[in-house]
Amino acid sequence: MSQTGQFRQYAEERDPPRPRVSSPWKFSPPVQASEYHLINLATGVSHGGFETLSGARQCAREKGLPAWDIFHGNVRVEYHDPRDETNQG
């Protein structure tokens, strides 16, 4: 069967875009991060959220973690790895 003379309309051409009525998000993210999260670098396991940076550090020392990251929201605030020569924390 020949397709000469056939014209296929794509969805974009067939249906005009719908106007945006409202924001697609029902809830906005918090303005500031509220917890510090402790991540074990050896295993990749999260040890939960803490109200303070010192609380997260204390937990890392009590559990005897050899290396860890502490995040506040999406920002890494502490990196501790004694095996790494370029330790930034």
PDB file of N, CA and C in Angstrom:
ATOM      1  N   MET A   1       0.837  -1.174   0.000  1.00  0.00           N
ATOM      2  CA  MET A   1       0.000   0.000   0.000  1.00  0.00           C
ATOM      3  C   MET A   1       0.881   1.236   0.000  1.00  0.00           C
ATOM      4  N   SER A   2       0.595   2.127  -0.840  1.00  0.00           N
ATOM      5  CA  SER A   2       1.382   3.331  -0.984  1.00  0.00           C
ATOM      6  C   SER A   2       0.930   4.382   0.030  1.00  0.00           C
ATOM      7  N   GLN A   3       1.916   5.119   0.527  1.00  0.00           N
ATOM      8  CA  GLN A   3       1.575   6.178   1.486  1.00  0.00           C
ATOM      9  C   GLN A   3       1.693   7.555   0.849  1.00  0.00           C
ATOM     10  N   THR A   4       1.710   7.588  -0.447  1.00  0.00           N
ATOM     11  CA  THR A   4       1.780   8.855  -1.149  1.00  0.00           C
ATOM     12  C   THR A   4       0.494   9.623  -0.910  1.00  0.00           C
ATOM     13  N   GLY A   5       0.631  10.859  -0.534  1.00  0.00           N
ATOM     14  CA  GLY A   5      -0.534  11.679  -0.280  1.00  0.00           C
ATOM     15  C   GLY A   5      -1.068  11.546   1.138  1.00  0.00           C
ATOM     16  N   GLN A   6      -0.491  10.649   1.906  1.00  0.00           N
ATOM     17  CA  GLN A   6      -0.919  10.477   3.294  1.00  0.00           C
ATOM     18  C   GLN A   6      -0.277  11.566   4.150  1.00  0.00           C
ATOM     19  N   PHE A   7      -1.028  12.114   5.075  1.00  0.00           N
ATOM     20  CA  PHE A   7      -0.495  13.138   5.978  1.00  0.00           C
ATOM     21  C   PHE A   7      -0.862  12.736   7.400  1.00  0.00           C
ATOM     22  N   ARG A   8       0.130  12.604   8.212  1.00  0.00           N
ATOM     23  CA  ARG A   8      -0.112  12.196   9.598  1.00  0.00           C
ATOM     24  C   ARG A   8       0.065  13.396  10.509  1.00  0.00           C
ATOM     25  N   GLN A   9      -0.955  13.708  11.258  1.00  0.00           N
ATOM     26  CA  GLN A   9      -0.850  14.797  12.218  1.00  0.00           C
ATOM     27  C   GLN A   9      -0.317  14.254  13.538  1.00  0.00           C
ATOM     28  N   TYR A  10       0.654  14.936  14.074  1.00  0.00           N
ATOM     29  CA  TYR A  10       1.193  14.554  15.367  1.00  0.00           C
ATOM     30  C   TYR A  10       0.339  15.172  16.461  1.00  0.00           C
ATOM     31  N   ALA A  11       0.463  14.642  17.653  1.00  0.00           N
ATOM     32  CA  ALA A  11      -0.362  15.108  18.762  1.00  0.00           C
ATOM     33  C   ALA A  11      -0.170  16.599  19.012  1.00  0.00           C
ATOM     34  N   GLU A  12       1.045  17.083  18.823  1.00  0.00           N
ATOM     35  CA  GLU A  12       1.311  18.502  19.065  1.00  0.00           C
ATOM     36  C   GLU A  12       0.557  19.378  18.070  1.00  0.00           C
ATOM     37  N   GLU A  13       0.394  18.889  16.865  1.00  0.00           N
ATOM     38  CA  GLU A  13      -0.296  19.660  15.837  1.00  0.00           C
ATOM     39  C   GLU A  13      -1.808  19.523  15.957  1.00  0.00           C
ATOM     40  N   ARG A  14      -2.248  18.393  16.422  1.00  0.00           N
ATOM     41  CA  ARG A  14      -3.669  18.095  16.492  1.00  0.00           C
ATOM     42  C   ARG A  14      -4.334  18.792  17.671  1.00  0.00           C
ATOM     43  N   ASP A  15      -3.693  18.729  18.825  1.00  0.00           N
ATOM     44  CA  ASP A  15      -4.271  19.281  20.050  1.00  0.00           C
ATOM     45  C   ASP A  15      -3.427  20.460  20.534  1.00  0.00           C
ATOM     46  N   PRO A  16      -4.015  21.632  20.673  1.00  0.00           N
ATOM     47  CA  PRO A  16      -3.238  22.764  21.198  1.00  0.00           C
ATOM     48  C   PRO A  16      -2.872  22.504  22.659  1.00  0.00           C
ATOM     49  N   PRO A  17      -1.761  23.059  23.122  1.00  0.00           N
ATOM     50  CA  PRO A  17      -1.354  22.835  24.508  1.00  0.00           C
ATOM     51  C   PRO A  17      -2.387  23.399  25.477  1.00  0.00           C
ATOM     52  N   ARG A  18      -2.601  22.663  26.553  1.00  0.00           N
ATOM     53  CA  ARG A  18      -3.558  23.116  27.561  1.00  0.00           C
ATOM     54  C   ARG A  18      -2.945  24.228  28.405  1.00  0.00           C
ATOM     55  N   PRO A  19      -3.707  25.243  28.740  1.00  0.00           N
ATOM     56  CA  PRO A  19      -3.163  26.307  29.588  1.00  0.00           C
ATOM     57  C   PRO A  19      -2.927  25.786  30.996  1.00  0.00           C
ATOM     58  N   ARG A  20      -1.862  26.253  31.598  1.00  0.00           N
ATOM     59  CA  ARG A  20      -1.541  25.851  32.965  1.00  0.00           C
ATOM     60  C   ARG A  20      -2.483  26.571  33.921  1.00  0.00           C
ATOM     61  N   VAL A  21      -3.193  25.798  34.699  1.00  0.00           N
ATOM     62  CA  VAL A  21      -4.171  26.354  35.618  1.00  0.00           C
ATOM     63  C   VAL A  21      -3.513  26.738  36.933  1.00  0.00           C
ATOM     64  N   SER A  22      -2.701  25.845  37.449  1.00  0.00           N
ATOM     65  CA  SER A  22      -2.032  26.121  38.720  1.00  0.00           C
ATOM     66  C   SER A  22      -0.686  25.420  38.728  1.00  0.00           C
ATOM     67  N   SER A  23       0.026  25.564  39.794  1.00  0.00           N
ATOM     68  CA  SER A  23       1.322  24.921  39.949  1.00  0.00           C
ATOM     69  C   SER A  23       1.138  23.411  40.025  1.00  0.00           C
ATOM     70  N   PRO A  24       2.039  22.636  39.416  1.00  0.00           N
ATOM     71  CA  PRO A  24       1.897  21.185  39.482  1.00  0.00           C
ATOM     72  C   PRO A  24       2.236  20.619  40.863  1.00  0.00           C
ATOM     73  N   TRP A  25       2.844  21.408  41.727  1.00  0.00           N
ATOM     74  CA  TRP A  25       3.246  20.933  43.049  1.00  0.00           C
ATOM     75  C   TRP A  25       2.201  21.319  44.080  1.00  0.00           C
ATOM     76  N   LYS A  26       1.783  20.361  44.876  1.00  0.00           N
ATOM     77  CA  LYS A  26       0.814  20.653  45.924  1.00  0.00           C
ATOM     78  C   LYS A  26       1.482  21.272  47.143  1.00  0.00           C
ATOM     79  N   PHE A  27       2.705  20.839  47.413  1.00  0.00           N
ATOM     80  CA  PHE A  27       3.414  21.331  48.583  1.00  0.00           C
ATOM     81  C   PHE A  27       4.762  21.867  48.144  1.00  0.00           C
ATOM     82  N   SER A  28       5.157  22.973  48.690  1.00  0.00           N
ATOM     83  CA  SER A  28       6.474  23.507  48.362  1.00  0.00           C
ATOM     84  C   SER A  28       7.493  22.943  49.342  1.00  0.00           C
ATOM     85  N   PRO A  29       8.740  22.763  48.909  1.00  0.00           N
ATOM     86  CA  PRO A  29       9.758  22.255  49.817  1.00  0.00           C
ATOM     87  C   PRO A  29      10.066  23.288  50.896  1.00  0.00           C
ATOM     88  N   PRO A  30      10.577  22.862  52.043  1.00  0.00           N
ATOM     89  CA  PRO A  30      10.890  23.820  53.096  1.00  0.00           C
ATOM     90  C   PRO A  30      11.958  24.802  52.636  1.00  0.00           C
ATOM     91  N   VAL A  31      11.876  26.008  53.146  1.00  0.00           N
ATOM     92  CA  VAL A  31      12.829  27.048  52.764  1.00  0.00           C
ATOM     93  C   VAL A  31      14.221  26.687  53.256  1.00  0.00           C
ATOM     94  N   GLN A  32      14.322  26.173  54.467  1.00  0.00           N
ATOM     95  CA  GLN A  32      15.604  25.761  55.017  1.00  0.00           C
ATOM     96  C   GLN A  32      15.515  24.305  55.444  1.00  0.00           C
ATOM     97  N   ALA A  33      16.633  23.597  55.312  1.00  0.00           N
ATOM     98  CA  ALA A  33      16.668  22.204  55.749  1.00  0.00           C
ATOM     99  C   ALA A  33      16.549  22.171  57.263  1.00  0.00           C
ATOM    100  N   SER A  34      15.850  21.164  57.778  1.00  0.00           N
ATOM    101  CA  SER A  34      15.616  21.128  59.217  1.00  0.00           C
ATOM    102  C   SER A  34      16.429  20.062  59.924  1.00  0.00           C
ATOM    103  N   GLU A  35      17.041  19.138  59.199  1.00  0.00           N
ATOM    104  CA  GLU A  35      17.773  18.060  59.843  1.00  0.00           C
ATOM    105  C   GLU A  35      19.150  17.885  59.230  1.00  0.00           C
ATOM    106  N   TYR A  36      20.039  17.329  60.031  1.00  0.00           N
ATOM    107  CA  TYR A  36      21.353  16.909  59.569  1.00  0.00           C
ATOM    108  C   TYR A  36      21.294  15.394  59.403  1.00  0.00           C
ATOM    109  N   HIS A  37      21.743  14.884  58.265  1.00  0.00           N
ATOM    110  CA  HIS A  37      21.702  13.451  58.004  1.00  0.00           C
ATOM    111  C   HIS A  37      23.114  12.896  57.978  1.00  0.00           C
ATOM    112  N   LEU A  38      23.303  11.815  58.708  1.00  0.00           N
ATOM    113  CA  LEU A  38      24.589  11.150  58.835  1.00  0.00           C
ATOM    114  C   LEU A  38      24.609   9.927  57.926  1.00  0.00           C
ATOM    115  N   ILE A  39      25.613   9.852  57.043  1.00  0.00           N
ATOM    116  CA  ILE A  39      25.748   8.745  56.103  1.00  0.00           C
ATOM    117  C   ILE A  39      27.085   8.052  56.355  1.00  0.00           C
ATOM    118  N   ASN A  40      27.032   6.738  56.549  1.00  0.00           N
ATOM    119  CA  ASN A  40      28.240   5.936  56.707  1.00  0.00           C
ATOM    120  C   ASN A  40      28.858   5.734  55.331  1.00  0.00           C
ATOM    121  N   LEU A  41      30.092   6.202  55.110  1.00  0.00           N
ATOM    122  CA  LEU A  41      30.711   6.089  53.796  1.00  0.00           C
ATOM    123  C   LEU A  41      31.149   4.664  53.487  1.00  0.00           C
ATOM    124  N   ALA A  42      31.411   3.864  54.501  1.00  0.00           N
ATOM    125  CA  ALA A  42      31.852   2.491  54.265  1.00  0.00           C
ATOM    126  C   ALA A  42      30.714   1.622  53.726  1.00  0.00           C
ATOM    127  N   THR A  43      29.502   1.829  54.224  1.00  0.00           N
ATOM    128  CA  THR A  43      28.373   0.985  53.832  1.00  0.00           C
ATOM    129  C   THR A  43      27.320   1.724  53.022  1.00  0.00           C
ATOM    130  N   GLY A  44      27.300   3.057  53.082  1.00  0.00           N
ATOM    131  CA  GLY A  44      26.284   3.846  52.396  1.00  0.00           C
ATOM    132  C   GLY A  44      24.976   3.931  53.159  1.00  0.00           C
ATOM    133  N   VAL A  45      24.961   3.478  54.405  1.00  0.00           N
ATOM    134  CA  VAL A  45      23.755   3.453  55.218  1.00  0.00           C
ATOM    135  C   VAL A  45      23.541   4.801  55.896  1.00  0.00           C
ATOM    136  N   SER A  46      22.294   5.265  55.887  1.00  0.00           N
ATOM    137  CA  SER A  46      21.936   6.489  56.593  1.00  0.00           C
ATOM    138  C   SER A  46      21.642   6.149  58.046  1.00  0.00           C
ATOM    139  N   HIS A  47      22.160   6.959  58.933  1.00  0.00           N
ATOM    140  CA  HIS A  47      21.917   6.754  60.360  1.00  0.00           C
ATOM    141  C   HIS A  47      20.901   7.746  60.897  1.00  0.00           C
ATOM    142  N   GLY A  48      20.100   8.302  60.036  1.00  0.00           N
ATOM    143  CA  GLY A  48      18.984   9.125  60.462  1.00  0.00           C
ATOM    144  C   GLY A  48      19.270  10.606  60.468  1.00  0.00           C
ATOM    145  N   GLY A  49      18.245  11.342  60.877  1.00  0.00           N
ATOM    146  CA  GLY A  49      18.339  12.789  60.926  1.00  0.00           C
ATOM    147  C   GLY A  49      18.548  13.269  62.345  1.00  0.00           C
ATOM    148  N   PHE A  50      19.287  14.351  62.482  1.00  0.00           N
ATOM    149  CA  PHE A  50      19.606  14.928  63.788  1.00  0.00           C
ATOM    150  C   PHE A  50      19.278  16.415  63.767  1.00  0.00           C
ATOM    151  N   GLU A  51      18.902  16.934  64.913  1.00  0.00           N
ATOM    152  CA  GLU A  51      18.553  18.347  64.997  1.00  0.00           C
ATOM    153  C   GLU A  51      19.773  19.250  64.890  1.00  0.00           C
ATOM    154  N   THR A  52      20.927  18.762  65.355  1.00  0.00           N
ATOM    155  CA  THR A  52      22.135  19.592  65.355  1.00  0.00           C
ATOM    156  C   THR A  52      23.285  18.845  64.699  1.00  0.00           C
ATOM    157  N   LEU A  53      24.256  19.615  64.239  1.00  0.00           N
ATOM    158  CA  LEU A  53      25.467  19.050  63.657  1.00  0.00           C
ATOM    159  C   LEU A  53      26.256  18.286  64.713  1.00  0.00           C
ATOM    160  N   SER A  54      26.318  18.830  65.913  1.00  0.00           N
ATOM    161  CA  SER A  54      27.064  18.147  66.977  1.00  0.00           C
ATOM    162  C   SER A  54      26.409  16.822  67.352  1.00  0.00           C
ATOM    163  N   GLY A  55      25.092  16.728  67.263  1.00  0.00           N
ATOM    164  CA  GLY A  55      24.399  15.468  67.525  1.00  0.00           C
ATOM    165  C   GLY A  55      24.754  14.408  66.496  1.00  0.00           C
ATOM    166  N   ALA A  56      24.859  14.804  65.239  1.00  0.00           N
ATOM    167  CA  ALA A  56      25.251  13.861  64.190  1.00  0.00           C
ATOM    168  C   ALA A  56      26.693  13.408  64.382  1.00  0.00           C
ATOM    169  N   ARG A  57      27.583  14.335  64.738  1.00  0.00           N
ATOM    170  CA  ARG A  57      28.984  13.969  64.992  1.00  0.00           C
ATOM    171  C   ARG A  57      29.105  13.012  66.169  1.00  0.00           C
ATOM    172  N   GLN A  58      28.358  13.285  67.220  1.00  0.00           N
ATOM    173  CA  GLN A  58      28.407  12.449  68.409  1.00  0.00           C
ATOM    174  C   GLN A  58      27.936  11.026  68.080  1.00  0.00           C
ATOM    175  N   CYS A  59      26.890  10.902  67.304  1.00  0.00           N
ATOM    176  CA  CYS A  59      26.389   9.585  66.914  1.00  0.00           C
ATOM    177  C   CYS A  59      27.435   8.830  66.100  1.00  0.00           C
ATOM    178  N   ALA A  60      28.118   9.522  65.186  1.00  0.00           N
ATOM    179  CA  ALA A  60      29.157   8.882  64.376  1.00  0.00           C
ATOM    180  C   ALA A  60      30.267   8.339  65.260  1.00  0.00           C
ATOM    181  N   ARG A  61      30.648   9.107  66.261  1.00  0.00           N
ATOM    182  CA  ARG A  61      31.725   8.651  67.161  1.00  0.00           C
ATOM    183  C   ARG A  61      31.259   7.514  68.056  1.00  0.00           C
ATOM    184  N   GLU A  62      30.014   7.588  68.554  1.00  0.00           N
ATOM    185  CA  GLU A  62      29.492   6.532  69.426  1.00  0.00           C
ATOM    186  C   GLU A  62      29.361   5.209  68.684  1.00  0.00           C
ATOM    187  N   LYS A  63      28.987   5.257  67.409  1.00  0.00           N
ATOM    188  CA  LYS A  63      28.845   4.036  66.621  1.00  0.00           C
ATOM    189  C   LYS A  63      30.168   3.563  66.048  1.00  0.00           C
ATOM    190  N   GLY A  64      31.213   4.364  66.216  1.00  0.00           N
ATOM    191  CA  GLY A  64      32.538   3.979  65.737  1.00  0.00           C
ATOM    192  C   GLY A  64      32.658   3.953  64.222  1.00  0.00           C
ATOM    193  N   LEU A  65      31.978   4.890  63.547  1.00  0.00           N
ATOM    194  CA  LEU A  65      32.048   4.933  62.090  1.00  0.00           C
ATOM    195  C   LEU A  65      33.436   5.391  61.657  1.00  0.00           C
ATOM    196  N   PRO A  66      34.079   4.657  60.753  1.00  0.00           N
ATOM    197  CA  PRO A  66      35.415   5.065  60.312  1.00  0.00           C
ATOM    198  C   PRO A  66      35.390   6.275  59.372  1.00  0.00           C
ATOM    199  N   ALA A  67      34.325   6.424  58.610  1.00  0.00           N
ATOM    200  CA  ALA A  67      34.220   7.531  57.647  1.00  0.00           C
ATOM    201  C   ALA A  67      32.750   7.886  57.477  1.00  0.00           C
ATOM    202  N   TRP A  68      32.470   9.211  57.364  1.00  0.00           N
ATOM    203  CA  TRP A  68      31.074   9.625  57.249  1.00  0.00           C
ATOM    204  C   TRP A  68      30.934  10.943  56.522  1.00  0.00           C
ATOM    205  N   ASP A  69      29.710  11.171  56.043  1.00  0.00           N
ATOM    206  CA  ASP A  69      29.266  12.440  55.471  1.00  0.00           C
ATOM    207  C   ASP A  69      28.106  12.924  56.314  1.00  0.00           C
ATOM    208  N   ILE A  70      28.020  14.232  56.492  1.00  0.00           N
ATOM    209  CA  ILE A  70      26.859  14.829  57.139  1.00  0.00           C
ATOM    210  C   ILE A  70      26.290  15.861  56.174  1.00  0.00           C
ATOM    211  N   PHE A  71      24.995  15.700  55.875  1.00  0.00           N
ATOM    212  CA  PHE A  71      24.297  16.596  54.959  1.00  0.00           C
ATOM    213  C   PHE A  71      23.262  17.410  55.716  1.00  0.00           C
ATOM    214  N   HIS A  72      23.098  18.648  55.289  1.00  0.00           N
ATOM    215  CA  HIS A  72      22.026  19.513  55.780  1.00  0.00           C
ATOM    216  C   HIS A  72      21.228  19.897  54.550  1.00  0.00           C
ATOM    217  N   GLY A  73      20.109  19.209  54.344  1.00  0.00           N
ATOM    218  CA  GLY A  73      19.393  19.344  53.080  1.00  0.00           C
ATOM    219  C   GLY A  73      20.196  18.634  52.007  1.00  0.00           C
ATOM    220  N   ASN A  74      20.512  19.322  50.923  1.00  0.00           N
ATOM    221  CA  ASN A  74      21.336  18.740  49.860  1.00  0.00           C
ATOM    222  C   ASN A  74      22.776  19.211  49.929  1.00  0.00           C
ATOM    223  N   VAL A  75      23.149  19.882  50.997  1.00  0.00           N
ATOM    224  CA  VAL A  75      24.487  20.440  51.126  1.00  0.00           C
ATOM    225  C   VAL A  75      25.310  19.573  52.067  1.00  0.00           C
ATOM    226  N   ARG A  76      26.469  19.132  51.582  1.00  0.00           N
ATOM    227  CA  ARG A  76      27.362  18.369  52.446  1.00  0.00           C
ATOM    228  C   ARG A  76      28.109  19.348  53.335  1.00  0.00           C
ATOM    229  N   VAL A  77      27.895  19.237  54.657  1.00  0.00           N
ATOM    230  CA  VAL A  77      28.523  20.169  55.585  1.00  0.00           C
ATOM    231  C   VAL A  77      29.757  19.570  56.247  1.00  0.00           C
ATOM    232  N   GLU A  78      29.882  18.242  56.222  1.00  0.00           N
ATOM    233  CA  GLU A  78      31.082  17.637  56.801  1.00  0.00           C
ATOM    234  C   GLU A  78      31.406  16.350  56.069  1.00  0.00           C
ATOM    235  N   TYR A  79      32.684  16.177  55.787  1.00  0.00           N
ATOM    236  CA  TYR A  79      33.202  14.973  55.156  1.00  0.00           C
ATOM    237  C   TYR A  79      34.347  14.502  56.023  1.00  0.00           C
ATOM    238  N   HIS A  80      34.237  13.290  56.546  1.00  0.00           N
ATOM    239  CA  HIS A  80      35.292  12.768  57.414  1.00  0.00           C
ATOM    240  C   HIS A  80      35.701  11.393  56.906  1.00  0.00           C
ATOM    241  N   ASP A  81      36.913  11.306  56.383  1.00  0.00           N
ATOM    242  CA  ASP A  81      37.472  10.040  55.936  1.00  0.00           C
ATOM    243  C   ASP A  81      38.975  10.095  56.143  1.00  0.00           C
ATOM    244  N   PRO A  82      39.463   9.483  57.227  1.00  0.00           N
ATOM    245  CA  PRO A  82      40.900   9.549  57.511  1.00  0.00           C
ATOM    246  C   PRO A  82      41.748   8.888  56.454  1.00  0.00           C
ATOM    247  N   ARG A  83      41.201   8.003  55.632  1.00  0.00           N
ATOM    248  CA  ARG A  83      41.976   7.334  54.583  1.00  0.00           C
ATOM    249  C   ARG A  83      42.189   8.225  53.385  1.00  0.00           C
ATOM    250  N   ASP A  84      41.390   9.268  53.238  1.00  0.00           N
ATOM    251  CA  ASP A  84      41.458  10.159  52.086  1.00  0.00           C
ATOM    252  C   ASP A  84      42.482  11.251  52.349  1.00  0.00           C
ATOM    253  N   GLU A  85      43.388  11.436  51.396  1.00  0.00           N
ATOM    254  CA  GLU A  85      44.429  12.458  51.560  1.00  0.00           C
ATOM    255  C   GLU A  85      43.894  13.869  51.377  1.00  0.00           C
ATOM    256  N   THR A  86      42.806  14.014  50.643  1.00  0.00           N
ATOM    257  CA  THR A  86      42.242  15.347  50.376  1.00  0.00           C
ATOM    258  C   THR A  86      41.046  15.595  51.285  1.00  0.00           C
ATOM    259  N   ASN A  87      41.116  15.187  52.524  1.00  0.00           N
ATOM    260  CA  ASN A  87      40.007  15.330  53.462  1.00  0.00           C
ATOM    261  C   ASN A  87      39.619  16.798  53.591  1.00  0.00           C
ATOM    262  N   GLN A  88      38.327  17.065  53.388  1.00  0.00           N
ATOM    263  CA  GLN A  88      37.828  18.439  53.400  1.00  0.00           C
ATOM    264  C   GLN A  88      37.001  18.740  54.629  1.00  0.00           C
ATOM    265  N   GLY A  89      37.302  18.249  55.729  1.00  0.00           N
ATOM    266  CA  GLY A  89      36.409  18.502  56.841  1.00  0.00           C
ATOM    267  C   GLY A  89      37.113  18.450  58.092  1.00  0.00           C
TER     268      GLY A  89
END
